C-alpha atoms as a PDB file:
ATOM      1  CA  MET A   1     116.075  82.721  82.004  1.00  0.00           C
ATOM      2  CA  GLU A   2     116.219  86.525  81.625  1.00  0.00           C
ATOM      3  CA  ASN A   3     113.209  88.766  82.731  1.00  0.00           C
ATOM      4  CA  LEU A   4     112.507  90.544  79.458  1.00  0.00           C
ATOM      5  CA  PRO A   5     109.694  93.161  79.127  1.00  0.00           C
ATOM      6  CA  ASN A   6     106.268  92.388  77.693  1.00  0.00           C
ATOM      7  CA  CYS A   7     105.619  93.888  74.114  1.00  0.00           C
ATOM      8  CA  PRO A   8     104.307  97.454  74.565  1.00  0.00           C
ATOM      9  CA  LYS A   9     102.039  97.093  71.553  1.00  0.00           C
ATOM     10  CA  CYS A  10     100.284  93.750  72.145  1.00  0.00           C
ATOM     11  CA  ASN A  11     101.573  92.867  75.775  1.00  0.00           C
ATOM     12  CA  SER A  12     102.908  89.521  74.413  1.00  0.00           C
ATOM     13  CA  GLU A  13     105.239  87.771  76.996  1.00  0.00           C
ATOM     14  CA  TYR A  14     107.208  86.062  74.201  1.00  0.00           C
ATOM     15  CA  THR A  15     109.635  88.931  73.523  1.00  0.00           C
ATOM     16  CA  TYR A  16     113.383  88.161  72.702  1.00  0.00           C
ATOM     17  CA  GLU A  17     116.554  90.338  72.510  1.00  0.00           C
ATOM     18  CA  ASP A  18     118.250  91.021  69.059  1.00  0.00           C
ATOM     19  CA  GLY A  19     121.251  93.188  69.883  1.00  0.00           C
ATOM     20  CA  ASN A  20     120.185  96.359  71.588  1.00  0.00           C
ATOM     21  CA  LEU A  21     116.534  95.840  70.444  1.00  0.00           C
ATOM     22  CA  PHE A  22     113.590  93.878  71.748  1.00  0.00           C
ATOM     23  CA  VAL A  23     111.492  92.186  69.297  1.00  0.00           C
ATOM     24  CA  CYS A  24     107.948  90.756  69.613  1.00  0.00           C
ATOM     25  CA  PRO A  25     107.511  87.632  67.481  1.00  0.00           C
ATOM     26  CA  GLU A  26     103.594  87.997  67.535  1.00  0.00           C
ATOM     27  CA  CYS A  27     103.187  91.399  66.126  1.00  0.00           C
ATOM     28  CA  ALA A  28     106.823  92.157  64.864  1.00  0.00           C
ATOM     29  CA  HIS A  29     107.145  95.270  66.924  1.00  0.00           C
ATOM     30  CA  GLU A  30     110.719  96.510  67.703  1.00  0.00           C
ATOM     31  CA  TRP A  31     111.740  98.707  70.425  1.00  0.00           C
ATOM     32  CA  THR A  32     114.533  99.731  72.731  1.00  0.00           C
ATOM     33  CA  LEU A  33     114.205  99.978  76.625  1.00  0.00           C
ATOM     34  CA  GLU A  34     114.933 103.684  76.474  1.00  0.00           C
ATOM     35  CA  SER A  35     112.270 104.475  73.875  1.00  0.00           C
ATOM     36  CA  GLN A  36     109.898 102.629  76.006  1.00  0.00           C
ATOM     37  CA  GLU A  37     110.678 104.537  78.989  1.00  0.00           C
ATOM     38  CA  ALA A  38     110.687 107.985  77.119  1.00  0.00           C
ATOM     39  CA  GLU A  39     107.061 106.972  75.650  1.00  0.00           C
ATOM     40  CA  SER A  40     105.718 106.349  79.290  1.00  0.00           C
ATOM     41  CA  GLU A  41     107.085 109.572  80.546  1.00  0.00           C
ATOM     42  CA  GLU A  42     105.804 111.691  77.699  1.00  0.00           C
ATOM     43  CA  ALA A  43     102.192 110.221  77.912  1.00  0.00           C
ATOM     44  CA  VAL A  44     101.548 111.655  81.485  1.00  0.00           C
ATOM     45  CA  ILE A  45      99.564 114.924  81.351  1.00  0.00           C
ATOM     46  CA  LYS A  46      98.860 116.451  84.620  1.00  0.00           C
ATOM     47  CA  ASP A  47      96.448 119.327  85.642  1.00  0.00           C
ATOM     48  CA  ALA A  48      97.169 122.464  87.473  1.00  0.00           C
ATOM     49  CA  ASN A  49      97.216 120.574  90.798  1.00  0.00           C
ATOM     50  CA  GLY A  50      99.440 117.631  89.723  1.00  0.00           C
ATOM     51  CA  ASN A  51      96.597 115.185  89.258  1.00  0.00           C
ATOM     52  CA  VAL A  52      96.991 112.791  86.267  1.00  0.00           C
ATOM     53  CA  LEU A  53      94.532 113.375  83.400  1.00  0.00           C
ATOM     54  CA  SER A  54      93.290 110.658  81.191  1.00  0.00           C
ATOM     55  CA  ASP A  55      90.704 110.512  78.453  1.00  0.00           C
ATOM     56  CA  GLY A  56      87.050 110.666  79.443  1.00  0.00           C
ATOM     57  CA  ASP A  57      87.803 112.727  82.522  1.00  0.00           C
ATOM     58  CA  THR A  58      85.589 115.644  83.673  1.00  0.00           C
ATOM     59  CA  ILE A  59      87.499 118.949  84.364  1.00  0.00           C
ATOM     60  CA  THR A  60      86.963 122.493  85.517  1.00  0.00           C
ATOM     61  CA  VAL A  61      88.497 125.560  84.223  1.00  0.00           C
ATOM     62  CA  ILE A  62      90.489 127.458  86.973  1.00  0.00           C
ATOM     63  CA  LYS A  63      90.646 130.899  85.412  1.00  0.00           C
ATOM     64  CA  ASP A  64      88.885 133.072  82.759  1.00  0.00           C
ATOM     65  CA  LEU A  65      90.220 132.107  79.336  1.00  0.00           C
ATOM     66  CA  LYS A  66      90.049 134.372  76.051  1.00  0.00           C
ATOM     67  CA  VAL A  67      88.650 132.631  73.113  1.00  0.00           C
ATOM     68  CA  LYS A  68      91.096 133.380  70.188  1.00  0.00           C
ATOM     69  CA  GLY A  69      89.231 135.112  67.296  1.00  0.00           C
ATOM     70  CA  SER A  70      86.310 135.926  69.478  1.00  0.00           C
ATOM     71  CA  SER A  71      85.248 138.321  72.034  1.00  0.00           C
ATOM     72  CA  SER A  72      83.911 135.436  74.179  1.00  0.00           C
ATOM     73  CA  VAL A  73      85.594 134.249  77.428  1.00  0.00           C
ATOM     74  CA  VAL A  74      85.361 130.825  79.067  1.00  0.00           C
ATOM     75  CA  LYS A  75      84.567 131.652  82.617  1.00  0.00           C
ATOM     76  CA  GLN A  76      86.312 130.322  85.520  1.00  0.00           C
ATOM     77  CA  GLY A  77      84.448 127.278  87.052  1.00  0.00           C
ATOM     78  CA  THR A  78      83.207 125.953  83.588  1.00  0.00           C
ATOM     79  CA  LYS A  79      82.780 122.354  83.792  1.00  0.00           C
ATOM     80  CA  VAL A  80      83.921 120.301  80.803  1.00  0.00           C
ATOM     81  CA  LYS A  81      83.032 116.653  80.426  1.00  0.00           C
ATOM     82  CA  ASN A  82      84.579 113.803  78.350  1.00  0.00           C
ATOM     83  CA  ILE A  83      88.059 115.303  77.567  1.00  0.00           C
ATOM     84  CA  LYS A  84      90.359 113.698  74.996  1.00  0.00           C
ATOM     85  CA  LEU A  85      94.196 114.086  75.508  1.00  0.00           C
ATOM     86  CA  VAL A  86      96.257 115.004  72.588  1.00  0.00           C
ATOM     87  CA  ASP A  87      99.797 115.744  71.751  1.00  0.00           C
ATOM     88  CA  GLY A  88     100.932 119.442  71.081  1.00  0.00           C
ATOM     89  CA  ASP A  89     100.837 122.894  72.664  1.00  0.00           C
ATOM     90  CA  HIS A  90      97.251 122.335  73.848  1.00  0.00           C
ATOM     91  CA  ASP A  91      96.933 119.151  75.535  1.00  0.00           C
ATOM     92  CA  ILE A  92      93.120 118.678  75.589  1.00  0.00           C
ATOM     93  CA  ASP A  93      90.419 118.513  73.011  1.00  0.00           C
ATOM     94  CA  CYS A  94      86.931 119.043  74.188  1.00  0.00           C
ATOM     95  CA  LYS A  95      83.468 120.396  73.586  1.00  0.00           C
ATOM     96  CA  ILE A  96      82.295 123.240  75.914  1.00  0.00           C
ATOM     97  CA  ASP A  97      78.511 123.936  75.951  1.00  0.00           C
ATOM     98  CA  GLY A  98      77.906 127.435  74.285  1.00  0.00           C
ATOM     99  CA  PHE A  99      81.337 127.371  72.566  1.00  0.00           C
ATOM    100  CA  GLY A 100      81.693 124.275  70.664  1.00  0.00           C
ATOM    101  CA  ALA A 101      84.960 122.379  69.877  1.00  0.00           C
ATOM    102  CA  MET A 102      87.870 123.633  72.011  1.00  0.00           C
ATOM    103  CA  LYS A 103      91.569 123.009  72.656  1.00  0.00           C
ATOM    104  CA  LEU A 104      92.784 123.694  76.340  1.00  0.00           C
ATOM    105  CA  LYS A 105      96.030 123.660  78.090  1.00  0.00           C
ATOM    106  CA  SER A 106      96.240 121.206  80.952  1.00  0.00           C
ATOM    107  CA  GLU A 107      97.876 124.006  83.270  1.00  0.00           C
ATOM    108  CA  PHE A 108      94.339 125.997  83.322  1.00  0.00           C
ATOM    109  CA  VAL A 109      92.163 123.048  84.345  1.00  0.00           C
ATOM    110  CA  LYS A 110      91.625 120.871  87.461  1.00  0.00           C
ATOM    111  CA  LYS A 111      90.277 117.381  87.587  1.00  0.00           C
ATOM    112  CA  ILE A 112      86.940 116.797  89.204  1.00  0.00           C
END
Protein backbone atom coordinates (compact mmCIF):
# COMPACT_ATOMS: atom_id res chain seq x y z
CA MET A 1 0.00 0.00 0.00
CA GLU A 2 1.15 3.55 -0.78
CA ASN A 3 2.35 5.85 1.96
CA LEU A 4 -0.03 8.82 1.57
CA PRO A 5 0.26 11.97 3.72
CA ASN A 6 -2.17 12.61 6.56
CA CYS A 7 -4.77 15.33 6.06
CA PRO A 8 -3.23 18.74 6.94
CA LYS A 9 -6.56 19.96 8.31
CA CYS A 10 -7.76 17.14 10.57
CA ASN A 11 -4.69 14.83 10.52
CA SER A 12 -6.75 11.86 9.31
CA GLU A 13 -4.75 8.91 8.04
CA TYR A 14 -7.51 7.75 5.67
CA THR A 15 -6.60 10.03 2.76
CA TYR A 16 -6.77 8.87 -0.85
CA GLU A 17 -5.49 10.08 -4.20
CA ASP A 18 -7.84 11.42 -6.88
CA GLY A 19 -5.82 12.36 -9.96
CA ASN A 20 -3.26 14.91 -8.76
CA LEU A 21 -5.26 15.75 -5.60
CA PHE A 22 -5.24 14.18 -2.18
CA VAL A 23 -8.69 13.93 -0.55
CA CYS A 24 -9.71 13.43 3.07
CA PRO A 25 -12.94 11.43 3.42
CA GLU A 26 -13.48 12.64 6.99
CA CYS A 27 -13.41 16.43 6.51
CA ALA A 28 -13.63 16.60 2.67
CA HIS A 29 -10.43 18.68 2.44
CA GLU A 30 -8.63 18.51 -0.92
CA TRP A 31 -5.01 19.52 -1.49
CA THR A 32 -1.95 18.93 -3.66
CA LEU A 33 1.42 17.97 -2.31
CA GLU A 34 2.93 21.19 -3.73
CA SER A 35 0.37 23.39 -1.95
CA GLN A 36 1.02 21.60 1.35
CA GLU A 37 4.78 22.19 1.02
CA ALA A 38 4.25 25.86 0.09
CA GLU A 39 1.99 26.42 3.12
CA SER A 40 4.53 24.90 5.50
CA GLU A 41 7.34 27.08 4.06
CA GLU A 42 5.27 30.29 4.24
CA ALA A 43 4.23 29.71 7.84
CA VAL A 44 7.77 30.04 9.24
CA ILE A 45 8.52 33.49 10.71
CA LYS A 46 12.00 34.09 12.11
CA ASP A 47 13.47 36.81 14.30
CA ALA A 48 16.60 38.86 13.54
CA ASN A 49 18.85 36.01 14.74
CA GLY A 50 17.08 33.31 12.71
CA ASN A 51 15.12 31.77 15.59
CA VAL A 52 11.64 30.54 14.68
CA LEU A 53 8.87 32.56 16.33
CA SER A 54 5.48 31.20 17.39
CA ASP A 55 2.30 32.57 18.98
CA GLY A 56 2.71 33.38 22.66
CA ASP A 57 6.48 33.95 22.57
CA THR A 58 8.21 36.74 24.45
CA ILE A 59 10.46 39.00 22.36
CA THR A 60 12.75 42.01 22.77
CA VAL A 61 12.97 44.98 20.38
CA ILE A 62 16.55 45.22 19.03
CA LYS A 63 16.53 48.87 17.87
CA ASP A 64 14.61 52.08 18.53
CA LEU A 65 11.42 52.08 16.43
CA LYS A 66 9.50 55.24 15.55
CA VAL A 67 5.74 54.96 16.10
CA LYS A 68 3.87 56.03 12.99
CA GLY A 69 1.56 59.00 13.60
CA SER A 70 3.20 59.86 16.91
CA SER A 71 6.37 61.43 18.24
CA SER A 72 6.90 58.39 20.50
CA VAL A 73 9.62 55.79 20.11
CA VAL A 74 9.64 52.14 21.17
CA LYS A 75 13.06 51.88 22.80
CA GLN A 76 15.64 49.19 22.16
CA GLY A 77 15.38 46.45 24.79
CA THR A 78 11.60 46.80 25.24
CA LYS A 79 10.21 43.43 26.28
CA VAL A 80 6.98 42.27 24.59
CA LYS A 81 5.03 39.28 25.94
CA ASN A 82 2.46 37.04 24.31
CA ILE A 83 2.90 37.91 20.62
CA LYS A 84 0.57 36.81 17.84
CA LEU A 85 1.91 36.02 14.36
CA VAL A 86 -0.03 37.34 11.36
CA ASP A 87 0.33 37.49 7.58
CA GLY A 88 1.28 40.72 5.88
CA ASP A 89 4.04 43.30 5.86
CA HIS A 90 4.21 43.40 9.66
CA ASP A 91 4.49 39.83 11.01
CA ILE A 92 3.68 40.39 14.70
CA ASP A 93 0.60 41.73 16.53
CA CYS A 94 1.23 42.60 20.18
CA LYS A 95 0.48 44.97 23.03
CA ILE A 96 3.32 47.08 24.38
CA ASP A 97 3.01 48.67 27.83
CA GLY A 98 2.71 52.43 27.43
CA PHE A 99 1.84 52.22 23.72
CA GLY A 100 -1.05 49.76 23.35
CA ALA A 101 -1.69 47.57 20.31
CA MET A 102 1.20 47.46 17.81
CA LYS A 103 2.32 45.68 14.69
CA LEU A 104 6.02 44.86 14.44
CA LYS A 105 8.27 43.40 11.78
CA SER A 106 10.09 40.24 12.84
CA GLU A 107 13.42 41.59 11.54
CA PHE A 108 13.50 44.14 14.41
CA VAL A 109 12.97 41.70 17.30
CA LYS A 110 14.74 38.79 18.96
CA LYS A 111 13.26 35.89 20.84
CA ILE A 112 13.99 35.62 24.56
